[in-house]
Protein backbone atom coordinates (compact mmCIF):
# COMPACT_ATOMS: atom_id res chain seq x y z
CA MET A 1 -5.64 9.60 -5.02
CA THR A 2 -9.17 10.43 -5.94
CA PRO A 3 -10.33 6.84 -6.94
CA SER A 4 -10.20 6.92 -10.62
CA SER A 5 -13.95 6.57 -12.78
CA HIS A 6 -13.74 2.79 -13.86
CA ASP A 7 -15.86 3.40 -17.26
CA PRO A 8 -14.83 1.04 -19.75
CA VAL A 9 -14.73 3.74 -22.57
CA PRO A 10 -11.53 2.93 -25.00
CA GLY A 11 -9.61 5.31 -26.40
CA PRO A 12 -8.18 8.20 -25.50
CA GLN A 13 -10.22 8.42 -22.16
CA LEU A 14 -8.34 5.83 -20.92
CA SER A 15 -5.76 7.32 -18.35
CA ARG A 16 -2.37 5.90 -19.18
CA LYS A 17 -2.17 4.77 -15.56
CA SER A 18 -5.45 3.25 -16.38
CA LEU A 19 -2.97 1.31 -19.44
CA LEU A 20 -0.51 0.58 -16.90
CA LYS A 21 -2.38 -1.35 -15.16
CA ALA A 22 -3.43 -3.77 -18.12
CA ALA A 23 -0.96 -4.21 -19.22
CA ALA A 24 0.60 -5.31 -15.94
CA LEU A 25 -2.28 -7.76 -15.94
CA ALA A 26 -3.59 -7.88 -19.49
CA GLY A 27 -5.24 -11.23 -20.29
CA ALA A 28 -6.48 -11.01 -15.92
CA ALA A 29 -10.42 -12.46 -15.15
CA PRO A 30 -12.41 -9.14 -14.73
CA LEU A 31 -12.65 -7.80 -11.67
CA LEU A 32 -16.45 -5.96 -11.29
CA LEU A 33 -16.39 -3.15 -9.05
CA GLY A 34 -19.31 -0.40 -8.96
CA ALA A 35 -22.51 -1.34 -11.89
CA GLY A 36 -21.02 -3.93 -12.95
CA THR A 37 -18.22 -1.93 -14.81
CA ALA A 38 -14.56 -3.52 -15.06
CA LEU A 39 -11.01 -2.33 -13.62
CA ALA A 40 -9.32 -0.66 -16.66
CA ARG A 41 -5.68 -2.88 -14.90
CA ASP A 42 -8.00 -6.05 -16.08
CA THR A 43 -9.25 -5.30 -19.77
CA ALA A 44 -6.69 -7.50 -22.02
CA GLY A 45 -4.66 -5.40 -24.25
CA ALA A 46 -3.24 -1.98 -24.28
CA PRO A 47 -2.79 0.52 -26.85
CA GLU A 48 0.69 1.33 -26.97
CA LEU A 49 1.59 4.15 -24.47
CA THR A 50 1.70 7.77 -23.80
CA PRO A 51 6.05 8.86 -23.39
CA GLU A 52 4.27 11.03 -21.09
CA CYS A 53 1.34 10.89 -17.94
CA HIS A 54 -1.32 13.39 -18.26
CA ASP A 55 -3.12 11.60 -15.83
CA GLY A 56 -3.11 14.89 -13.25
CA ASP A 57 -3.16 12.83 -10.85
CA ALA A 58 -1.19 13.95 -7.05
CA PRO A 59 -0.12 12.10 -4.53
CA THR A 60 -2.22 10.88 -1.71
CA ILE A 61 -2.73 13.04 1.27
CA GLU A 62 -1.69 12.41 4.63
CA GLN A 63 -3.68 12.18 7.43
CA THR A 64 -3.57 11.74 11.13
CA GLU A 65 -2.07 8.66 12.16
CA GLY A 66 -4.44 8.53 15.08
CA PRO A 67 -3.82 7.19 18.69
CA TYR A 68 -3.60 2.95 18.03
CA PHE A 69 -0.56 2.67 15.75
CA LYS A 70 1.24 -0.24 16.71
CA PRO A 71 5.00 -0.77 15.56
CA GLY A 72 5.68 -4.80 14.67
CA SER A 73 3.15 -5.61 13.32
CA PRO A 74 3.62 -8.65 11.41
CA LEU A 75 4.15 -9.66 7.72
CA ARG A 76 1.56 -10.85 5.93
CA THR A 77 -1.72 -10.01 4.27
CA ASN A 78 -4.16 -11.04 5.37
CA LEU A 79 -5.64 -10.08 8.64
CA ALA A 80 -8.67 -12.09 9.54
CA VAL A 81 -7.56 -15.14 11.08
CA PRO A 82 -9.97 -17.99 11.78
CA GLY A 83 -12.70 -17.24 13.43
CA THR A 84 -12.35 -13.17 12.95
CA ARG A 85 -16.20 -11.89 12.79
CA GLY A 86 -17.33 -9.27 10.67
CA THR A 87 -18.35 -9.05 6.60
CA PRO A 88 -15.18 -9.85 4.74
CA LEU A 89 -13.20 -6.86 2.57
CA THR A 90 -10.94 -7.60 0.33
CA VAL A 91 -8.90 -4.61 -0.71
CA THR A 92 -6.66 -4.56 -4.31
CA GLY A 93 -4.62 -1.64 -5.52
CA TYR A 94 -1.63 -0.38 -6.51
CA VAL A 95 1.13 2.29 -5.91
CA PHE A 96 2.52 4.83 -8.03
CA GLY A 97 4.86 7.66 -8.39
CA ARG A 98 4.96 10.49 -9.87
CA ALA A 99 5.15 9.11 -13.40
CA CYS A 100 2.34 6.80 -13.26
CA ARG A 101 4.80 3.75 -13.21
CA PRO A 102 4.20 1.04 -11.19
CA ILE A 103 7.16 1.21 -7.38
CA PRO A 104 7.63 -3.01 -6.88
CA GLY A 105 8.44 -3.29 -2.85
CA VAL A 106 6.66 0.19 -1.18
CA LEU A 107 5.77 -0.74 2.37
CA LEU A 108 2.28 -0.73 3.19
CA ASP A 109 1.33 -0.84 6.97
CA PHE A 110 -2.24 -1.25 7.89
CA TRP A 111 -4.44 -1.32 10.81
CA GLN A 112 -7.27 -0.82 11.51
CA ALA A 113 -10.23 -1.81 13.62
CA ASP A 114 -12.31 -4.82 14.35
CA THR A 115 -16.01 -4.90 13.19
CA ASP A 116 -17.06 -4.12 17.24
CA GLY A 117 -14.82 -0.64 16.82
CA ALA A 118 -12.20 -2.17 19.23
CA TYR A 119 -8.65 -2.19 18.38
CA ASP A 120 -6.44 -4.46 19.42
CA ASN A 121 -3.33 -2.23 21.36
CA THR A 122 -1.43 -5.65 23.57
CA GLY A 123 -1.86 -7.36 20.86
CA TYR A 124 -1.73 -7.84 16.36
CA THR A 125 -4.93 -8.04 16.00
CA MET A 126 -5.47 -6.30 12.52
CA ARG A 127 -2.98 -5.69 11.71
CA GLY A 128 0.35 -6.42 9.60
CA HIS A 129 2.45 -5.50 6.90
CA GLN A 130 3.38 -6.46 3.17
CA PHE A 131 5.40 -5.08 0.07
CA SER A 132 3.64 -4.25 -3.27
CA ASP A 133 4.70 -6.80 -5.55
CA ALA A 134 6.74 -6.75 -8.93
CA GLN A 135 3.97 -4.88 -10.55
CA GLY A 136 3.45 -1.81 -7.95
CA ALA A 137 0.26 -4.68 -6.78
CA PHE A 138 -1.13 -5.22 -3.67
CA THR A 139 -4.20 -7.35 -1.96
CA LEU A 140 -4.86 -6.84 2.03
CA THR A 141 -7.73 -9.42 3.01
CA ALA A 142 -9.21 -8.61 6.44
CA ILE A 143 -12.86 -7.21 7.43
CA VAL A 144 -15.13 -3.55 6.87
CA PRO A 145 -14.12 -2.07 10.30
CA GLY A 146 -16.49 -0.96 12.58
CA LEU A 147 -17.95 1.58 14.05
CA TYR A 148 -16.70 3.98 17.29
CA PRO A 149 -16.98 7.01 18.79
CA GLY A 150 -16.33 10.23 16.44
CA ARG A 151 -14.94 8.57 13.46
CA THR A 152 -17.00 7.15 9.92
CA ARG A 153 -15.10 3.69 8.85
CA HIS A 154 -12.00 4.37 8.10
CA ILE A 155 -8.39 1.96 7.38
CA HIS A 156 -5.31 3.19 8.46
CA VAL A 157 -2.03 2.67 6.27
CA LYS A 158 1.49 3.63 6.66
CA LEU A 159 3.37 3.43 2.92
CA GLN A 160 7.16 3.57 2.19
CA ALA A 161 9.10 3.35 -0.86
CA PRO A 162 12.45 2.58 -0.80
CA GLY A 163 14.41 5.15 0.27
CA ARG A 164 11.90 7.36 0.56
CA PRO A 165 10.02 9.63 3.53
CA VAL A 166 6.59 7.51 5.06
CA LEU A 167 3.51 8.18 3.86
CA THR A 168 0.41 8.11 6.64
CA THR A 169 -3.10 8.05 5.64
CA GLN A 170 -6.28 6.61 5.44
CA LEU A 171 -8.58 4.94 3.21
CA TYR A 172 -12.11 5.15 3.03
CA PHE A 173 -16.09 3.79 2.85
CA PRO A 174 -18.65 4.92 0.04
CA GLY A 175 -22.32 6.03 0.67
CA GLU A 176 -21.48 5.93 4.95
CA PRO A 177 -23.63 8.09 7.00
CA ARG A 178 -20.78 9.01 9.05
CA ASN A 179 -18.76 10.52 6.30
CA SER A 180 -20.37 14.24 6.47
CA THR A 181 -19.20 14.55 10.45
CA ASP A 182 -16.03 13.16 10.42
CA THR A 183 -14.41 15.25 10.64
CA ILE A 184 -10.79 13.91 9.14
CA PHE A 185 -12.90 11.78 6.82
CA ASP A 186 -11.65 13.37 3.07
CA PRO A 187 -13.54 12.34 -0.43
CA ARG A 188 -10.59 11.70 -2.24
CA LEU A 189 -9.33 8.76 -0.14
CA VAL A 190 -12.59 6.77 -0.87
CA MET A 191 -12.45 3.49 -2.28
CA THR A 192 -14.41 2.35 -4.97
CA VAL A 193 -16.60 -0.22 -2.83
CA ARG A 194 -19.21 -3.40 -4.64
CA GLN A 195 -20.60 -5.86 -2.92
CA ASN A 196 -20.42 -9.58 -3.14
CA GLY A 197 -21.69 -12.11 -1.79
CA PRO A 198 -21.92 -11.74 2.02
CA GLY A 199 -18.33 -9.71 2.12
CA ARG A 200 -16.94 -6.42 -0.14
CA GLU A 201 -14.43 -5.82 -2.81
CA ALA A 202 -12.86 -2.65 -2.40
CA SER A 203 -9.94 -1.05 -4.92
CA PHE A 204 -7.77 2.06 -3.69
CA ASP A 205 -4.38 2.43 -5.83
CA PHE A 206 -2.33 5.43 -3.73
CA VAL A 207 -0.32 7.66 -6.19
CA LEU A 208 3.33 8.73 -3.93
CA ASP A 209 5.43 11.65 -4.36
CA VAL A 210 8.40 9.75 -5.88
CA PRO A 211 10.56 11.31 -9.38
CA GLN A 212 9.95 8.81 -12.55
CA SER A 213 11.07 9.10 -15.74
CA PRO A 214 8.60 7.88 -18.50
CA SER A 215 10.60 4.86 -18.82
CA PRO A 216 10.84 1.70 -17.05
CA SER A 217 14.05 2.47 -14.55
CA PRO A 218 14.27 0.56 -11.23
CA THR A 219 16.34 3.73 -9.80
CA ALA A 220 13.57 5.88 -10.63
CA THR A 221 11.04 3.58 -9.64
CA GLY A 222 12.83 3.21 -6.10
CA SER A 223 12.93 -0.02 -6.49
CA PRO A 224 15.81 -2.08 -4.42
CA THR A 225 19.53 -3.33 -5.62
CA ALA A 226 19.50 -6.71 -6.91
CA SER A 227 21.96 -8.56 -5.02
CA PRO A 228 22.93 -7.80 -1.42
CA SER A 229 26.67 -7.64 -0.93
CA PRO A 230 28.89 -10.47 0.60
CA SER A 231 31.09 -8.24 2.40
CA PRO A 232 30.18 -9.09 6.42
CA THR A 233 31.52 -5.75 8.09
CA VAL A 234 29.16 -3.69 9.41
CA SER A 235 28.66 -1.08 6.57
CA GLY A 236 25.88 0.67 8.26
CA GLY A 237 27.00 1.13 11.39
CA THR A 238 24.30 1.19 14.95
CA TRP A 239 20.62 0.97 13.54
CA ARG A 240 18.96 4.50 13.70
CA VAL A 241 15.46 5.63 12.50
CA GLY A 242 15.95 8.10 9.49
CA ALA A 243 18.72 6.39 8.00
CA SER A 244 18.59 5.20 3.84
CA TYR A 245 19.85 1.44 4.20
CA ARG A 246 20.67 -0.80 0.27
CA VAL A 247 20.43 -3.61 0.24
CA GLY A 248 23.45 -5.46 1.68
CA ASP A 249 24.10 -3.08 4.09
CA VAL A 250 24.49 -5.01 7.57
CA VAL A 251 24.28 -3.58 11.02
CA THR A 252 24.09 -3.98 14.81
CA TYR A 253 20.60 -3.44 16.95
CA ASN A 254 21.08 -4.94 20.15
CA GLY A 255 24.53 -6.40 20.18
CA VAL A 256 23.11 -8.57 16.82
CA ALA A 257 23.62 -8.46 13.52
CA TYR A 258 21.33 -7.88 10.12
CA ARG A 259 21.28 -7.02 6.37
CA CYS A 260 19.21 -5.39 4.50
CA VAL A 261 17.78 -7.32 2.12
CA GLN A 262 15.34 -3.97 1.33
CA ALA A 263 16.44 -0.82 0.48
CA HIS A 264 14.60 1.44 2.61
CA THR A 265 14.76 4.68 5.51
CA ALA A 266 14.84 2.67 9.15
CA TYR A 267 11.61 4.14 10.85
CA ALA A 268 10.52 3.74 14.34
CA GLY A 269 8.96 0.77 14.82
CA TRP A 270 11.07 -1.46 12.03
CA GLU A 271 13.96 -1.94 13.81
CA PRO A 272 15.27 -5.61 12.32
CA PRO A 273 13.82 -7.67 15.30
CA ASN A 274 10.73 -6.44 14.52
CA VAL A 275 10.56 -6.70 10.29
CA PRO A 276 11.89 -9.49 8.56
CA ALA A 277 11.14 -8.31 5.30
CA LEU A 278 13.55 -6.02 5.29
CA TRP A 279 16.42 -7.52 7.96
CA ALA A 280 17.88 -10.84 8.05
CA ARG A 281 19.90 -11.99 11.00
CA ILE A 282 23.38 -13.09 10.27
């Protein structure tokens, strides 16, 4: 989606999505982005929310995976291990559905180039996955990716809400000279970025094509079922790509049994041994 403007103007100019952000983090210290403006989500207090969403936000657009995706990334929010060279970068944001309600438990798998523009295809440097929290928020700590021939600076990401298809897309930086020559670049995927000391802070909100009710509903947002089934039976059979799994489903993979701890649709590369945040060995 196109990053929303963050003008601190009260009243009807604040979108319902911004008010939901504000309600989620009311009382938090403001994070300043751009020319000294505070994100609406960090404004303490908010007027009563309207019953419908009129933001006009289309779902975040899909983009090519590229040649460097690697399944089995570790569960972590910080890709910058000690000794990592480059300009520090923190990306924060939310994941929303079609009714502008936050979606908890969304799987976000990030990967990017290092400061020299190289991808680690043997290990997992600059690769990692995480889940949006109860408010639909995520935080990624990394570095500003380097350049390589033919591309502008960008970060890759795959998102999957529980029980929903995978969205593959990319995030971009504003004001990059190569934005105008990169044939993949799309301005709707540009992050809001500001300098903060030696590093940069960025913000971007994803909108997934997930049907929702305007009122809070775990079913509408696709959040996982609360408690796993105690049954040890193999309720899901043999693990397979494309299958939809619920919390408590038990599958076998290479002769080993796993219990689902997060509702999701199976994706190649997220086999039970690779994604401990989705599957617990039993």
